[in-house]
Amino acid sequence: MFKRILVALDGSPASEQALKLALALAHLTGASLTALSVEEKLPAYAATVGEVQEAKGEIDAYFTKVHTTAQERARAAGVALHTAVRAGHAAQTIARFAEQGSFDLIVLGAGDQHGLGSTADKVTEIAPCSVLIARAVPLSVRVGDVMSTDVVTVGPATQLAQVVEILVKRAIKAVPVIDGGRIVGIITGGDLIRRAGMGLRLSIQRRLPADELTEQLHQFARQGGTAAEVMTSPVVTIPVEARVSEAARLMADKHLKRLPVVDKQGMLVGIVSRTDVLTTVASVASVEEELPAALVLAPHTAGDLMFRDVPTVSPDTPLNEVLDKLIATPLRRIVVVDESRRVLGIILDADLLARISPREHPGTFRALLARLSYAPVELPLMSGRAVDVMSHDVFSVREDTPLVEVIQTMLEKHVKRLVVTDVEGRLSGVVDRQSLLRIIGNGG
């Protein structure tokens, strides 16, 4: 078994993959781990002594940052990491360092070339010990390769009613505000609720009867206002050349569902969403040997990622009590369970609204709309129980479901959250996209 492992680091996606693999091996085998970075040569433009010193300072600062990040990941993995920087030709320096340090394994990354890459090729030829090549996985692909380019935009002076109509009728979640090709803001359903007085979420607006939706839009038209008055600004954006893993990390850190993508001139070129990121992760499922390396230090199952604070009701819970619980939870859903916590069904706020006919029960329908809008109205006593309105189609996974299967199920069912159960079908918790993004963004 390995006792001394050397990993080559240059800050590239492939070398980051090599670090993940080396950390996993060191953790499993108890081997010591050293990270080596090589300063190959100074830039050709460094013609004077001052320029040479400046260039070398930039290189030193770069490798310091690379090693600091590596140390943070090593601590999180419970591995002691030593670091070193040497000058010289990359392949020869790595091989010489490995020989002098009596290392028995070299781990280094190779990009997406058909071969290993010049450094990896050369190291495998001259290394004094075993060499393990780590390929960069799909999470290192660029945002520009997975983003949506068909982006609907508005200007700062666009009327608020028009913005709402775009979001509702085109079934999109956000609209960037553009001025001269540059993004100056973004409007989401949350912005409309917080700053424009829209009481109902966009997902519920889309399920309203046509006449009710028309009335909602008329209210916005009478209210007036422009996109500039409600948009979020400044906007968190991501460069088109950034990696998908960086997008996941930024979304998780900022609690964002999407990121506008900009080019080097700051012009909007697309939008990358949580779904885009998760789809990219799911694409590695067919390459079984790559997935563990990509997520080897991450929680592996739904049970590792789920949260347990899930609101529940029994099948006999009165509808008024069900509604109170729905309004009280940010999940906007309640799981129906029996006395043993076995999952029987689920109730979503939009589903509840769809089950109340505005023609047959206009008073109850409007009162329910008001309650879902957080308006302080007295709701007429609703007849019925939870079992009468719950959906029996509960999208769920078991606690031991692997991470990629969780993601695949979310994408297949087009849902943001999945109920998690134990082997007996009892409720354990809920797993959502935010938890998945946090793990993906941290690279395991």
Protein backbone atom coordinates (compact mmCIF):
# COMPACT_ATOMS: atom_id res chain seq x y z
CA MET A 1 0.00 0.00 0.00
CA PHE A 2 1.17 3.57 -0.64
CA LYS A 3 3.17 5.31 2.11
CA ARG A 4 4.29 8.54 0.42
CA ILE A 5 2.13 10.25 -2.21
CA LEU A 6 3.15 13.21 -4.35
CA VAL A 7 0.52 15.27 -6.17
CA ALA A 8 1.38 17.85 -8.83
CA LEU A 9 -0.57 21.11 -8.55
CA ASP A 10 -0.78 23.96 -11.04
CA GLY A 11 -4.28 25.27 -10.31
CA SER A 12 -5.84 23.78 -13.45
CA PRO A 13 -9.11 21.80 -13.33
CA ALA A 14 -7.15 18.63 -14.03
CA SER A 15 -4.75 19.26 -11.14
CA GLU A 16 -7.68 19.98 -8.83
CA GLN A 17 -9.07 16.60 -9.82
CA ALA A 18 -5.67 15.07 -9.04
CA LEU A 19 -5.74 16.70 -5.58
CA LYS A 20 -9.19 15.25 -4.82
CA LEU A 21 -8.00 11.81 -5.81
CA ALA A 22 -4.75 12.12 -3.85
CA LEU A 23 -6.62 13.30 -0.75
CA ALA A 24 -8.97 10.34 -0.98
CA LEU A 25 -6.06 7.90 -1.32
CA ALA A 26 -4.14 9.47 1.55
CA HIS A 27 -7.23 9.34 3.73
CA LEU A 28 -7.88 5.69 2.89
CA THR A 29 -4.28 4.44 3.16
CA GLY A 30 -2.85 6.71 5.85
CA ALA A 31 -0.08 7.77 3.47
CA SER A 32 1.71 11.11 3.80
CA LEU A 33 0.81 13.62 1.08
CA THR A 34 2.92 16.35 -0.50
CA ALA A 35 1.77 18.85 -3.13
CA LEU A 36 4.42 20.08 -5.58
CA SER A 37 4.11 23.08 -7.89
CA VAL A 38 6.71 23.80 -10.56
CA GLU A 39 7.80 27.22 -11.79
CA GLU A 40 8.78 26.29 -15.33
CA LYS A 41 10.04 29.62 -16.69
CA LEU A 42 9.48 33.33 -16.45
CA PRO A 43 7.42 35.03 -19.15
CA ALA A 44 9.28 36.10 -22.27
CA TYR A 45 8.29 39.72 -21.74
CA ALA A 46 10.28 39.92 -18.47
CA ALA A 47 13.30 41.64 -19.99
CA THR A 48 14.64 43.74 -17.12
CA VAL A 49 15.58 42.87 -13.55
CA GLY A 50 12.53 44.73 -12.27
CA GLU A 51 10.22 42.93 -14.66
CA VAL A 52 11.74 39.58 -13.73
CA GLN A 53 11.16 40.26 -10.03
CA GLU A 54 7.62 41.43 -10.71
CA ALA A 55 6.84 38.35 -12.81
CA LYS A 56 8.32 36.04 -10.20
CA GLY A 57 6.28 37.78 -7.51
CA GLU A 58 3.10 37.15 -9.48
CA ILE A 59 3.98 33.47 -9.90
CA ASP A 60 4.79 33.11 -6.20
CA ALA A 61 1.50 34.77 -5.24
CA TYR A 62 -0.37 32.45 -7.60
CA PHE A 63 1.13 29.29 -6.14
CA THR A 64 0.60 30.59 -2.61
CA LYS A 65 -3.09 30.90 -3.40
CA VAL A 66 -3.16 27.42 -4.98
CA HIS A 67 -1.48 25.89 -1.92
CA THR A 68 -3.69 27.76 0.54
CA THR A 69 -6.78 26.37 -1.19
CA ALA A 70 -5.24 22.90 -1.20
CA GLN A 71 -4.51 23.11 2.54
CA GLU A 72 -8.12 24.07 3.24
CA ARG A 73 -9.40 21.06 1.31
CA ALA A 74 -6.90 18.79 3.02
CA ARG A 75 -8.03 19.93 6.47
CA ALA A 76 -11.65 19.30 5.49
CA ALA A 77 -10.65 15.79 4.41
CA GLY A 78 -8.68 15.13 7.61
CA VAL A 79 -5.36 14.83 5.76
CA ALA A 80 -2.05 16.51 6.61
CA LEU A 81 -0.68 18.16 3.47
CA HIS A 82 2.89 19.35 2.89
CA THR A 83 3.57 21.78 0.04
CA ALA A 84 6.61 22.67 -2.04
CA VAL A 85 7.50 24.85 -5.02
CA ARG A 86 10.47 24.11 -7.30
CA ALA A 87 11.80 25.75 -10.44
CA GLY A 88 12.58 23.84 -13.61
CA HIS A 89 11.01 21.79 -16.35
CA ALA A 90 7.70 20.39 -15.03
CA ALA A 91 8.05 16.70 -15.88
CA GLN A 92 11.73 16.42 -14.96
CA THR A 93 11.28 18.38 -11.73
CA ILE A 94 8.34 16.21 -10.63
CA ALA A 95 10.24 12.99 -11.35
CA ARG A 96 13.41 14.24 -9.60
CA PHE A 97 11.45 15.43 -6.55
CA ALA A 98 9.68 12.05 -6.33
CA GLU A 99 12.99 10.18 -6.50
CA GLN A 100 14.71 12.36 -3.90
CA GLY A 101 11.73 12.07 -1.54
CA SER A 102 11.30 8.32 -2.00
CA PHE A 103 7.68 8.71 -3.04
CA ASP A 104 5.91 5.56 -4.14
CA LEU A 105 3.06 7.24 -6.07
CA ILE A 106 2.75 10.37 -8.19
CA VAL A 107 -0.75 11.73 -8.87
CA LEU A 108 -1.15 14.33 -11.58
CA GLY A 109 -3.92 15.58 -13.78
CA ALA A 110 -4.49 15.40 -17.51
CA GLY A 111 -6.88 17.60 -19.39
CA ASP A 112 -9.33 16.68 -22.11
CA GLN A 113 -6.75 15.97 -24.80
CA HIS A 114 -6.85 12.64 -26.61
CA GLY A 115 -3.49 11.80 -25.05
CA LEU A 116 -2.43 12.47 -21.49
CA GLY A 117 -0.85 15.82 -22.23
CA SER A 118 2.85 16.56 -22.61
CA THR A 119 3.71 16.75 -18.89
CA ALA A 120 1.69 13.66 -17.97
CA ASP A 121 3.17 11.72 -20.90
CA LYS A 122 6.71 12.63 -19.94
CA VAL A 123 6.24 11.91 -16.22
CA THR A 124 4.93 8.42 -16.94
CA GLU A 125 8.08 7.76 -19.00
CA ILE A 126 10.69 8.95 -16.48
CA ALA A 127 9.00 8.58 -13.06
CA PRO A 128 10.82 6.41 -10.50
CA CYS A 129 7.52 5.11 -9.09
CA SER A 130 3.90 4.43 -9.99
CA VAL A 131 1.94 7.24 -11.64
CA LEU A 132 -1.81 7.79 -11.34
CA ILE A 133 -3.46 10.06 -13.91
CA ALA A 134 -6.60 11.95 -12.91
CA ARG A 135 -8.83 13.17 -15.71
CA ALA A 136 -10.78 16.40 -15.35
CA VAL A 137 -14.45 15.46 -14.99
CA PRO A 138 -17.45 17.25 -16.58
CA LEU A 139 -17.71 19.65 -13.62
CA SER A 140 -14.62 21.34 -15.03
CA VAL A 141 -16.36 22.19 -18.30
CA ARG A 142 -17.00 25.85 -18.85
CA VAL A 143 -20.22 27.64 -18.01
CA GLY A 144 -20.43 28.75 -21.63
CA ASP A 145 -20.86 25.14 -22.70
CA VAL A 146 -23.98 24.50 -20.58
CA MET A 147 -25.69 27.89 -20.23
CA SER A 148 -28.94 28.92 -21.93
CA THR A 149 -28.41 31.55 -24.60
CA ASP A 150 -32.07 32.19 -25.45
CA VAL A 151 -32.53 34.81 -22.72
CA VAL A 152 -35.58 37.08 -22.52
CA THR A 153 -34.57 40.54 -21.28
CA VAL A 154 -36.21 43.86 -20.46
CA GLY A 155 -34.97 47.41 -20.15
CA PRO A 156 -34.93 49.57 -16.99
CA ALA A 157 -37.97 51.53 -18.22
CA THR A 158 -40.08 48.46 -19.05
CA GLN A 159 -43.46 48.67 -17.33
CA LEU A 160 -43.91 46.37 -14.35
CA ALA A 161 -47.11 44.85 -15.76
CA GLN A 162 -45.18 43.82 -18.88
CA VAL A 163 -42.43 42.25 -16.76
CA VAL A 164 -44.98 40.20 -14.81
CA GLU A 165 -46.73 39.11 -18.00
CA ILE A 166 -43.41 37.94 -19.46
CA LEU A 167 -42.55 35.93 -16.37
CA VAL A 168 -45.99 34.36 -16.04
CA LYS A 169 -46.95 33.67 -19.63
CA ARG A 170 -43.52 32.54 -20.80
CA ALA A 171 -43.09 30.38 -17.70
CA ILE A 172 -39.62 31.73 -16.92
CA LYS A 173 -38.23 32.28 -13.45
CA ALA A 174 -36.21 35.49 -13.93
CA VAL A 175 -35.66 38.25 -16.43
CA PRO A 176 -32.38 40.23 -16.68
CA VAL A 177 -32.59 44.01 -17.01
CA ILE A 178 -30.28 45.22 -19.78
CA ASP A 179 -29.02 48.70 -20.57
CA GLY A 180 -26.74 49.04 -23.57
CA GLY A 181 -26.07 45.31 -23.66
CA ARG A 182 -24.86 45.24 -20.06
CA ILE A 183 -26.82 43.71 -17.24
CA VAL A 184 -27.87 46.29 -14.66
CA GLY A 185 -30.36 44.22 -12.70
CA ILE A 186 -32.45 41.07 -12.55
CA ILE A 187 -36.09 40.52 -11.60
CA THR A 188 -37.34 37.29 -10.04
CA GLY A 189 -40.62 36.30 -8.45
CA GLY A 190 -39.05 37.09 -5.09
CA ASP A 191 -38.34 40.66 -6.19
CA LEU A 192 -41.96 41.09 -7.23
CA ILE A 193 -43.18 39.80 -3.88
CA ARG A 194 -40.78 41.94 -1.84
CA ARG A 195 -40.89 45.19 -3.83
CA ALA A 196 -43.99 45.16 -6.01
CA GLY A 197 -46.58 43.76 -3.63
CA MET A 198 -47.23 40.61 -5.64
CA GLY A 199 -48.76 38.30 -3.08
CA LEU A 200 -48.70 35.03 -5.02
CA ARG A 201 -45.65 33.17 -6.21
CA LEU A 202 -45.16 32.89 -9.96
CA SER A 203 -45.82 29.14 -9.85
CA ILE A 204 -49.28 29.85 -8.41
CA GLN A 205 -49.94 32.76 -10.76
CA ARG A 206 -49.49 30.39 -13.69
CA ARG A 207 -52.20 28.08 -12.33
CA LEU A 208 -54.83 30.77 -11.90
CA PRO A 209 -57.96 30.78 -14.07
CA ALA A 210 -57.54 33.04 -17.12
CA ASP A 211 -59.88 35.75 -15.82
CA GLU A 212 -58.17 35.78 -12.42
CA LEU A 213 -54.74 36.08 -14.02
CA THR A 214 -55.99 38.92 -16.23
CA GLU A 215 -57.20 40.75 -13.14
CA GLN A 216 -53.81 40.27 -11.46
CA LEU A 217 -52.07 41.78 -14.50
CA HIS A 218 -54.53 44.68 -14.58
CA GLN A 219 -53.69 45.41 -10.95
CA PHE A 220 -50.03 45.74 -11.87
CA ALA A 221 -50.92 47.98 -14.80
CA ARG A 222 -52.93 50.27 -12.50
CA GLN A 223 -50.13 50.21 -9.95
CA GLY A 224 -47.59 51.44 -12.47
CA GLY A 225 -43.87 51.22 -11.86
CA THR A 226 -40.90 50.09 -13.93
CA ALA A 227 -38.37 47.30 -13.95
CA ALA A 228 -35.72 49.59 -12.48
CA GLU A 229 -37.85 50.12 -9.37
CA VAL A 230 -38.07 46.46 -8.38
CA MET A 231 -34.96 44.83 -9.85
CA THR A 232 -32.12 43.44 -7.74
CA SER A 233 -28.96 45.44 -8.39
CA PRO A 234 -26.02 45.01 -8.53
CA VAL A 235 -26.27 41.53 -10.00
CA VAL A 236 -24.10 38.55 -9.12
CA THR A 237 -22.75 37.32 -12.47
CA ILE A 238 -20.27 34.69 -13.62
CA PRO A 239 -17.75 34.81 -16.51
CA VAL A 240 -18.51 32.68 -19.54
CA GLU A 241 -15.15 30.93 -19.16
CA ALA A 242 -15.76 29.94 -15.51
CA ARG A 243 -16.18 26.28 -14.63
CA VAL A 244 -19.49 24.66 -13.78
CA SER A 245 -18.17 23.81 -10.32
CA GLU A 246 -17.55 27.52 -9.73
CA ALA A 247 -21.14 28.28 -10.73
CA ALA A 248 -22.38 25.65 -8.26
CA ARG A 249 -20.25 27.08 -5.47
CA LEU A 250 -21.40 30.65 -6.15
CA MET A 251 -25.07 29.63 -6.27
CA ALA A 252 -24.74 27.73 -3.01
CA ASP A 253 -22.85 30.51 -1.22
CA LYS A 254 -25.22 33.27 -2.38
CA HIS A 255 -28.41 31.14 -2.25
CA LEU A 256 -29.09 31.85 -5.91
CA LYS A 257 -31.06 29.73 -8.38
CA ARG A 258 -29.44 31.13 -11.51
CA LEU A 259 -26.51 33.29 -12.63
CA PRO A 260 -26.33 35.68 -15.59
CA VAL A 261 -23.26 34.86 -17.68
CA VAL A 262 -21.10 37.68 -19.06
CA ASP A 263 -18.20 37.87 -21.50
CA LYS A 264 -14.90 39.68 -20.95
CA GLN A 265 -16.51 42.98 -21.92
CA GLY A 266 -19.25 42.51 -19.32
CA MET A 267 -21.95 41.89 -21.92
CA LEU A 268 -24.71 39.39 -21.13
CA VAL A 269 -24.31 36.18 -23.15
CA GLY A 270 -26.54 33.71 -21.29
CA ILE A 271 -27.89 32.35 -18.02
CA VAL A 272 -26.80 29.23 -16.14
CA SER A 273 -29.30 27.67 -13.75
CA ARG A 274 -29.24 25.07 -11.01
CA THR A 275 -30.80 22.65 -13.46
CA ASP A 276 -27.92 23.22 -15.89
CA VAL A 277 -25.43 22.40 -13.14
CA LEU A 278 -27.28 19.30 -11.97
CA THR A 279 -27.68 18.07 -15.55
CA THR A 280 -23.92 18.35 -16.00
CA VAL A 281 -23.31 16.31 -12.85
CA ALA A 282 -25.80 13.67 -13.92
CA SER A 283 -24.02 13.32 -17.24
CA VAL A 284 -21.08 11.59 -15.53
CA ALA A 285 -23.27 8.78 -14.22
CA SER A 286 -22.46 6.59 -17.19
CA VAL A 287 -18.75 6.94 -16.46
CA GLU A 288 -18.71 5.09 -13.15
CA GLU A 289 -14.99 5.35 -12.58
CA GLU A 290 -15.09 9.16 -12.80
CA LEU A 291 -17.89 9.82 -10.34
CA PRO A 292 -16.24 8.64 -7.12
CA ALA A 293 -13.19 10.74 -7.92
CA ALA A 294 -15.37 13.77 -8.50
CA LEU A 295 -17.37 13.39 -5.33
CA VAL A 296 -15.31 10.97 -3.27
CA LEU A 297 -15.14 13.24 -0.24
CA ALA A 298 -18.78 14.30 -0.49
CA PRO A 299 -21.73 12.69 1.24
CA HIS A 300 -22.75 9.79 -0.98
CA THR A 301 -26.46 9.34 -0.29
CA ALA A 302 -29.74 11.18 0.11
CA GLY A 303 -29.58 10.47 3.85
CA ASP A 304 -26.32 12.39 4.13
CA LEU A 305 -27.79 15.49 2.48
CA MET A 306 -31.38 15.62 3.70
CA PHE A 307 -32.84 17.91 6.35
CA ARG A 308 -35.22 16.37 8.85
CA ASP A 309 -37.44 19.30 9.84
CA VAL A 310 -40.35 18.48 7.54
CA PRO A 311 -43.95 19.54 8.33
CA THR A 312 -46.42 16.66 8.42
CA VAL A 313 -50.13 16.03 8.91
CA SER A 314 -52.23 12.93 9.30
CA PRO A 315 -54.81 11.92 6.69
CA ASP A 316 -57.60 13.14 8.99
CA THR A 317 -56.18 16.63 9.62
CA PRO A 318 -58.85 19.30 8.82
CA LEU A 319 -58.16 21.45 5.74
CA ASN A 320 -57.99 24.70 7.69
CA GLU A 321 -55.21 23.25 9.81
CA VAL A 322 -53.49 21.97 6.67
CA LEU A 323 -53.57 25.48 5.21
CA ASP A 324 -52.15 27.03 8.38
CA LYS A 325 -49.22 24.63 8.20
CA LEU A 326 -48.72 25.28 4.49
CA ILE A 327 -48.51 29.02 5.03
CA ALA A 328 -46.17 28.61 7.99
CA THR A 329 -43.55 26.57 6.11
CA PRO A 330 -41.21 27.99 3.45
CA LEU A 331 -41.33 24.57 1.78
CA ARG A 332 -44.95 25.26 0.76
CA ARG A 333 -45.64 21.55 0.99
CA ILE A 334 -46.69 19.11 3.71
CA VAL A 335 -46.13 15.38 3.82
CA VAL A 336 -49.08 13.23 4.85
CA VAL A 337 -48.02 10.33 7.09
CA ASP A 338 -49.72 7.65 9.14
CA GLU A 339 -49.13 6.92 12.82
CA SER A 340 -45.89 5.11 11.98
CA ARG A 341 -44.68 8.02 9.79
CA ARG A 342 -45.10 6.00 6.63
CA VAL A 343 -45.56 8.39 3.72
CA LEU A 344 -49.08 8.36 2.28
CA GLY A 345 -49.17 11.52 0.18
CA ILE A 346 -48.14 15.14 -0.20
CA ILE A 347 -49.97 18.48 -0.34
CA LEU A 348 -48.61 21.54 -2.16
CA ASP A 349 -50.13 25.00 -1.91
CA ALA A 350 -50.72 25.18 -5.68
CA ASP A 351 -52.41 21.77 -5.63
CA LEU A 352 -54.72 22.88 -2.84
CA LEU A 353 -55.70 25.96 -4.80
CA ALA A 354 -56.38 23.88 -7.91
CA ARG A 355 -58.83 21.71 -5.96
CA ILE A 356 -61.06 24.68 -5.02
CA SER A 357 -63.36 25.65 -7.89
CA PRO A 358 -63.69 29.45 -8.25
CA ARG A 359 -67.08 28.94 -9.90
CA GLU A 360 -68.58 26.64 -7.27
CA HIS A 361 -66.89 28.23 -4.24
CA PRO A 362 -65.94 31.81 -5.24
CA GLY A 363 -65.78 33.06 -1.65
CA THR A 364 -63.54 30.26 -0.45
CA PHE A 365 -61.36 30.54 -3.57
CA ARG A 366 -60.72 34.25 -3.10
CA ALA A 367 -60.17 33.86 0.62
CA LEU A 368 -57.67 31.10 -0.09
CA LEU A 369 -55.87 33.32 -2.60
CA ALA A 370 -55.69 36.03 0.03
CA ARG A 371 -54.31 33.64 2.65
CA LEU A 372 -51.66 32.34 0.25
CA SER A 373 -50.79 36.00 -0.34
CA TYR A 374 -50.28 36.41 3.42
CA ALA A 375 -53.23 38.81 3.58
CA PRO A 376 -54.83 38.92 7.05
CA VAL A 377 -58.25 37.55 6.08
CA GLU A 378 -60.54 35.14 7.82
CA LEU A 379 -60.76 31.93 5.84
CA PRO A 380 -64.23 30.33 5.71
CA LEU A 381 -64.34 26.97 7.39
CA MET A 382 -63.21 24.49 4.76
CA SER A 383 -64.82 21.10 4.80
CA GLY A 384 -62.74 18.05 4.21
CA ARG A 385 -59.51 16.52 5.40
CA ALA A 386 -55.94 16.21 4.23
CA VAL A 387 -56.66 12.89 2.57
CA ASP A 388 -59.23 14.60 0.32
CA VAL A 389 -56.71 16.95 -1.30
CA MET A 390 -53.38 15.15 -1.05
CA SER A 391 -51.55 13.75 -4.03
CA HIS A 392 -50.66 10.07 -3.83
CA ASP A 393 -47.80 10.54 -6.28
CA VAL A 394 -44.97 11.38 -3.91
CA PHE A 395 -41.59 11.75 -5.60
CA SER A 396 -39.23 10.15 -3.16
CA VAL A 397 -35.90 8.40 -2.75
CA ARG A 398 -34.57 6.16 0.00
CA GLU A 399 -31.92 7.24 2.46
CA ASP A 400 -29.34 5.01 0.78
CA THR A 401 -29.95 6.41 -2.72
CA PRO A 402 -26.60 7.50 -4.27
CA LEU A 403 -26.04 11.17 -4.96
CA VAL A 404 -26.25 10.93 -8.74
CA GLU A 405 -29.49 8.96 -8.59
CA VAL A 406 -30.95 11.72 -6.42
CA ILE A 407 -29.99 14.27 -9.05
CA GLN A 408 -31.29 12.12 -11.90
CA THR A 409 -34.63 11.66 -10.15
CA MET A 410 -35.00 15.41 -9.62
CA LEU A 411 -34.30 16.08 -13.28
CA GLU A 412 -36.59 13.30 -14.49
CA LYS A 413 -39.49 14.41 -12.29
CA HIS A 414 -38.83 18.13 -12.77
CA VAL A 415 -38.92 18.83 -9.04
CA LYS A 416 -36.80 20.91 -6.67
CA ARG A 417 -37.17 18.64 -3.66
CA LEU A 418 -37.53 14.94 -2.97
CA VAL A 419 -39.00 13.21 0.05
CA VAL A 420 -36.53 10.81 1.69
CA THR A 421 -37.75 7.59 3.32
CA ASP A 422 -36.20 4.66 5.15
CA VAL A 423 -36.44 1.08 3.94
CA GLU A 424 -39.90 0.75 5.52
CA GLY A 425 -41.26 3.80 3.68
CA ARG A 426 -41.21 5.99 6.81
CA LEU A 427 -40.45 9.70 6.41
CA SER A 428 -36.82 10.55 7.10
CA GLY A 429 -36.49 14.02 5.61
CA VAL A 430 -36.31 16.05 2.41
CA VAL A 431 -33.39 16.69 0.06
CA ASP A 432 -33.33 19.82 -2.10
CA ARG A 433 -31.26 21.39 -4.87
CA GLN A 434 -29.54 23.80 -2.51
CA SER A 435 -27.98 20.93 -0.54
CA LEU A 436 -26.79 19.30 -3.75
CA LEU A 437 -25.26 22.52 -5.06
CA ARG A 438 -23.36 23.05 -1.82
CA ILE A 439 -21.72 19.65 -2.14
CA ILE A 440 -21.00 20.04 -5.85
CA GLY A 441 -19.63 23.54 -5.39
CA ASN A 442 -17.25 22.38 -2.69
CA GLY A 443 -16.03 19.68 -5.03
CA GLY A 444 -16.68 17.03 -2.43
